[in-house]
Structure formats: C-alpha cells, structure tokens
C-alpha cells in the first residue's frame, strides 16, 4: 500500500519539516530523498542534501531535520520500511 501527503510549510528559514514529520517517527524508516531544492544555513546557502539519496537511515534524516536551520523550496521524501527495496515512486 502506498500513501502520500503534500505539505506546505513556512516560507522562511527554520526546521519546520522536522516539526511536521515528528508524529511519523522518521527514525523507523529508510528514506528516498530526491528532486529537492533545499538549503542549509551555514553562513551561506549550501544544499541540504547532495543529490538523490536512496536509503538514508531515518536516524540520520531526523538529526538533519531537527538540528539545523534550513530553507526548503521543494522537497521529495519517501519513507520505506527498514530493509525494503528503495525506489523513486512516481505515483501514489
């Protein structure tokens, strides 16, 4: 079964995506991350993620989304049960 949600968050620097995803316990999943335009606040504007990522551990994603300020213009995150095949699902 595939489920999807679309979210709109504040159009400013912050860690809003971590707050929105908090009820989902993102550490319990492996993640596909791709097709995003998101920047981290490092005194400049560096990409939050480096290219397409297949299988980011949920704990790593949780640390990124909850420990720094970032600015998300567009993001594409997909959660998969740990150990399952990770792929870019085009429709849901």
N, C-alpha and C. Protein backbone atom coordinates (compact mmCIF):
# COMPACT_ATOMS: atom_id res chain seq x y z
N UNK A 1 0.84 -1.17 0.00
CA UNK A 1 0.00 0.00 0.00
C UNK A 1 0.88 1.23 0.00
N UNK A 2 0.53 2.19 -0.82
CA UNK A 2 1.27 3.44 -0.90
C UNK A 2 0.36 4.58 -0.47
N UNK A 3 0.89 5.45 0.36
CA UNK A 3 0.16 6.63 0.83
C UNK A 3 1.03 7.85 0.58
N UNK A 4 0.42 8.97 0.31
CA UNK A 4 1.18 10.19 0.09
C UNK A 4 0.51 11.38 0.74
N UNK A 5 1.32 12.34 1.08
CA UNK A 5 0.81 13.61 1.59
C UNK A 5 1.60 14.74 0.94
N UNK A 6 0.97 15.86 0.81
CA UNK A 6 1.62 17.05 0.31
C UNK A 6 1.48 18.11 1.37
N UNK A 7 2.57 18.79 1.67
CA UNK A 7 2.58 19.77 2.75
C UNK A 7 3.06 21.13 2.25
N UNK A 8 2.57 22.16 2.88
CA UNK A 8 3.11 23.49 2.70
C UNK A 8 3.62 23.95 4.05
N UNK A 9 4.86 24.45 4.07
CA UNK A 9 5.46 24.91 5.32
C UNK A 9 5.84 26.38 5.16
N UNK A 10 6.28 26.98 6.26
CA UNK A 10 6.64 28.39 6.26
C UNK A 10 7.69 28.69 5.18
N UNK A 11 7.56 29.81 4.54
CA UNK A 11 8.48 30.25 3.50
C UNK A 11 9.58 31.10 4.15
N UNK A 12 10.36 30.44 5.01
CA UNK A 12 11.45 31.12 5.71
C UNK A 12 12.39 30.08 6.31
N UNK A 13 13.54 30.52 6.80
CA UNK A 13 14.50 29.63 7.43
C UNK A 13 13.90 29.06 8.71
N UNK A 14 14.19 27.81 8.99
CA UNK A 14 13.71 27.16 10.20
C UNK A 14 13.93 25.66 10.11
N UNK A 15 13.25 24.92 10.97
CA UNK A 15 13.28 23.45 10.87
C UNK A 15 11.86 22.91 10.91
N UNK A 16 11.02 23.51 10.10
CA UNK A 16 9.60 23.21 10.06
C UNK A 16 9.31 21.78 9.60
N UNK A 17 10.07 21.27 8.66
CA UNK A 17 9.80 19.92 8.16
C UNK A 17 10.00 18.89 9.27
N UNK A 18 11.01 19.07 10.09
CA UNK A 18 11.20 18.17 11.23
C UNK A 18 10.01 18.21 12.17
N UNK A 19 9.46 19.40 12.39
CA UNK A 19 8.28 19.53 13.25
C UNK A 19 7.06 18.84 12.64
N UNK A 20 6.85 19.01 11.34
CA UNK A 20 5.70 18.43 10.67
C UNK A 20 5.79 16.90 10.66
N UNK A 21 6.99 16.36 10.47
CA UNK A 21 7.17 14.91 10.39
C UNK A 21 7.31 14.23 11.75
N UNK A 22 7.35 14.99 12.82
CA UNK A 22 7.53 14.44 14.15
C UNK A 22 6.55 13.31 14.49
N UNK A 23 5.26 13.42 14.20
CA UNK A 23 4.33 12.33 14.54
C UNK A 23 4.60 11.03 13.80
N UNK A 24 5.38 11.06 12.72
CA UNK A 24 5.63 9.87 11.92
C UNK A 24 6.83 9.05 12.39
N UNK A 25 7.56 9.52 13.40
CA UNK A 25 8.74 8.82 13.90
C UNK A 25 9.65 8.41 12.75
N UNK A 26 10.24 9.39 12.09
CA UNK A 26 11.01 9.16 10.87
C UNK A 26 12.20 8.23 11.07
N UNK A 27 12.62 8.04 12.30
CA UNK A 27 13.75 7.13 12.57
C UNK A 27 13.39 5.67 12.30
N UNK A 28 12.11 5.35 12.21
CA UNK A 28 11.67 3.97 12.00
C UNK A 28 11.72 3.54 10.54
N UNK A 29 12.13 4.43 9.63
CA UNK A 29 12.09 4.15 8.20
C UNK A 29 13.44 4.41 7.55
N UNK A 30 13.62 3.87 6.36
CA UNK A 30 14.69 4.26 5.45
C UNK A 30 14.04 5.18 4.43
N UNK A 31 14.81 6.14 3.89
CA UNK A 31 14.22 7.21 3.10
C UNK A 31 14.85 7.35 1.73
N UNK A 32 14.01 7.66 0.76
CA UNK A 32 14.45 8.12 -0.56
C UNK A 32 14.32 9.64 -0.51
N UNK A 33 15.36 10.34 -0.94
CA UNK A 33 15.33 11.80 -0.99
C UNK A 33 15.81 12.20 -2.38
N UNK A 34 15.00 12.95 -3.08
CA UNK A 34 15.38 13.37 -4.43
C UNK A 34 14.50 14.48 -4.94
N UNK A 35 14.99 15.16 -5.96
CA UNK A 35 14.21 16.20 -6.60
C UNK A 35 13.91 17.38 -5.70
N UNK A 36 14.84 17.71 -4.81
CA UNK A 36 14.55 18.80 -3.88
C UNK A 36 15.41 20.02 -4.18
N UNK A 37 14.92 21.13 -3.72
CA UNK A 37 15.71 22.35 -3.66
C UNK A 37 15.60 22.83 -2.22
N UNK A 38 16.64 22.54 -1.46
CA UNK A 38 16.65 22.85 -0.03
C UNK A 38 18.06 23.25 0.36
N UNK A 39 18.17 24.23 1.22
CA UNK A 39 19.46 24.78 1.60
C UNK A 39 19.62 24.78 3.11
N UNK A 40 20.85 24.57 3.56
CA UNK A 40 21.14 24.64 4.99
C UNK A 40 21.79 25.98 5.30
N UNK A 41 21.57 26.45 6.50
CA UNK A 41 22.10 27.73 6.96
C UNK A 41 23.48 27.52 7.54
N UNK A 42 24.50 27.78 6.75
CA UNK A 42 25.88 27.62 7.20
C UNK A 42 26.65 28.93 7.07
N UNK A 43 25.94 30.01 7.13
CA UNK A 43 26.56 31.31 6.89
C UNK A 43 26.43 31.68 5.42
N UNK A 44 26.23 30.69 4.58
CA UNK A 44 25.95 30.84 3.16
C UNK A 44 24.72 30.01 2.88
N UNK A 45 24.57 29.61 1.66
CA UNK A 45 23.44 28.75 1.31
C UNK A 45 23.95 27.50 0.60
N UNK A 46 24.26 26.48 1.37
CA UNK A 46 24.73 25.22 0.81
C UNK A 46 23.56 24.24 0.72
N UNK A 47 23.59 23.34 -0.26
CA UNK A 47 22.48 22.36 -0.37
C UNK A 47 22.33 21.55 0.92
N UNK A 48 21.09 21.29 1.30
CA UNK A 48 20.80 20.48 2.48
C UNK A 48 21.15 19.02 2.22
N UNK A 49 20.92 18.55 1.00
CA UNK A 49 21.25 17.18 0.59
C UNK A 49 22.04 17.24 -0.70
N UNK A 50 22.97 16.31 -0.86
CA UNK A 50 23.79 16.25 -2.06
C UNK A 50 23.21 15.24 -3.04
N UNK A 51 22.38 15.69 -3.95
CA UNK A 51 21.83 14.82 -4.98
C UNK A 51 20.79 13.85 -4.46
N UNK A 52 20.47 12.89 -5.30
CA UNK A 52 19.48 11.88 -5.00
C UNK A 52 20.06 10.87 -4.01
N UNK A 53 19.29 10.51 -2.99
CA UNK A 53 19.76 9.58 -1.97
C UNK A 53 18.78 8.43 -1.86
N UNK A 54 19.29 7.22 -2.01
CA UNK A 54 18.48 6.01 -1.86
C UNK A 54 18.86 5.34 -0.55
N UNK A 55 17.94 5.29 0.39
CA UNK A 55 18.18 4.54 1.62
C UNK A 55 18.84 5.30 2.75
N UNK A 56 18.57 6.60 2.89
CA UNK A 56 19.09 7.32 4.05
C UNK A 56 18.44 6.76 5.30
N UNK A 57 19.22 6.46 6.29
CA UNK A 57 18.70 5.95 7.56
C UNK A 57 17.84 7.03 8.22
N UNK A 58 16.74 6.62 8.78
CA UNK A 58 15.81 7.55 9.42
C UNK A 58 16.44 8.36 10.53
N UNK A 59 17.33 7.74 11.30
CA UNK A 59 18.00 8.46 12.38
C UNK A 59 18.85 9.61 11.83
N UNK A 60 19.53 9.36 10.70
CA UNK A 60 20.34 10.41 10.07
C UNK A 60 19.46 11.55 9.57
N UNK A 61 18.34 11.20 8.94
CA UNK A 61 17.43 12.23 8.45
C UNK A 61 16.86 13.03 9.61
N UNK A 62 16.49 12.36 10.68
CA UNK A 62 15.95 13.03 11.86
C UNK A 62 16.94 14.04 12.42
N UNK A 63 18.20 13.66 12.50
CA UNK A 63 19.23 14.58 13.01
C UNK A 63 19.37 15.80 12.12
N UNK A 64 19.34 15.61 10.81
CA UNK A 64 19.46 16.74 9.88
C UNK A 64 18.27 17.68 10.03
N UNK A 65 17.07 17.12 10.06
CA UNK A 65 15.86 17.95 10.06
C UNK A 65 15.57 18.62 11.40
N UNK A 66 16.17 18.12 12.47
CA UNK A 66 15.89 18.69 13.79
C UNK A 66 17.04 19.47 14.40
N UNK A 67 18.22 19.48 13.75
CA UNK A 67 19.38 20.09 14.40
C UNK A 67 19.88 21.35 13.70
N UNK A 68 19.31 21.71 12.57
CA UNK A 68 19.83 22.88 11.87
C UNK A 68 18.69 23.68 11.25
N UNK A 69 19.01 24.90 10.89
CA UNK A 69 18.05 25.73 10.14
C UNK A 69 18.25 25.45 8.67
N UNK A 70 17.16 25.38 7.95
CA UNK A 70 17.23 25.16 6.52
C UNK A 70 16.07 25.88 5.86
N UNK A 71 16.16 26.01 4.56
CA UNK A 71 15.14 26.67 3.76
C UNK A 71 14.75 25.72 2.65
N UNK A 72 13.52 25.24 2.68
CA UNK A 72 13.07 24.28 1.69
C UNK A 72 12.16 24.98 0.70
N UNK A 73 12.54 24.90 -0.56
CA UNK A 73 11.70 25.42 -1.63
C UNK A 73 10.82 24.30 -2.17
N UNK A 74 11.42 23.15 -2.39
CA UNK A 74 10.69 21.96 -2.84
C UNK A 74 11.45 20.75 -2.32
N UNK A 75 10.72 19.74 -1.86
CA UNK A 75 11.38 18.54 -1.37
C UNK A 75 10.55 17.31 -1.72
N UNK A 76 11.25 16.21 -1.93
CA UNK A 76 10.63 14.95 -2.29
C UNK A 76 11.20 13.87 -1.37
N UNK A 77 10.45 13.49 -0.36
CA UNK A 77 10.87 12.48 0.62
C UNK A 77 9.90 11.31 0.55
N UNK A 78 10.44 10.10 0.54
CA UNK A 78 9.59 8.91 0.55
C UNK A 78 10.13 7.94 1.59
N UNK A 79 9.24 7.46 2.46
CA UNK A 79 9.62 6.55 3.55
C UNK A 79 9.35 5.11 3.14
N UNK A 80 10.27 4.21 3.53
CA UNK A 80 10.14 2.78 3.26
C UNK A 80 10.44 2.02 4.54
N UNK A 81 9.75 0.91 4.76
CA UNK A 81 10.09 0.09 5.93
C UNK A 81 11.56 -0.32 5.86
N UNK A 82 12.21 -0.35 7.01
CA UNK A 82 13.63 -0.72 7.06
C UNK A 82 13.85 -2.06 6.37
N UNK A 83 14.89 -2.11 5.54
CA UNK A 83 15.25 -3.34 4.86
C UNK A 83 14.52 -3.60 3.55
N UNK A 84 13.50 -2.80 3.22
CA UNK A 84 12.76 -2.98 1.96
C UNK A 84 13.50 -2.30 0.82
N UNK A 85 13.16 -2.69 -0.39
CA UNK A 85 13.74 -2.07 -1.60
C UNK A 85 13.33 -0.60 -1.67
N UNK A 86 14.29 0.26 -1.96
CA UNK A 86 14.05 1.70 -2.03
C UNK A 86 14.01 2.09 -3.51
N UNK A 87 12.96 2.77 -3.91
CA UNK A 87 12.84 3.23 -5.28
C UNK A 87 12.09 4.54 -5.30
N UNK A 88 12.26 5.28 -6.39
CA UNK A 88 11.52 6.52 -6.54
C UNK A 88 10.13 6.18 -7.08
N UNK A 89 9.14 6.28 -6.24
CA UNK A 89 7.76 6.01 -6.63
C UNK A 89 7.23 7.26 -7.34
N UNK A 90 6.79 7.09 -8.58
CA UNK A 90 6.37 8.25 -9.35
C UNK A 90 4.92 8.62 -9.15
N UNK A 91 4.08 7.67 -8.78
CA UNK A 91 2.67 7.95 -8.50
C UNK A 91 2.27 7.26 -7.22
N UNK A 92 1.26 7.78 -6.58
CA UNK A 92 0.73 7.12 -5.38
C UNK A 92 -0.73 7.40 -5.26
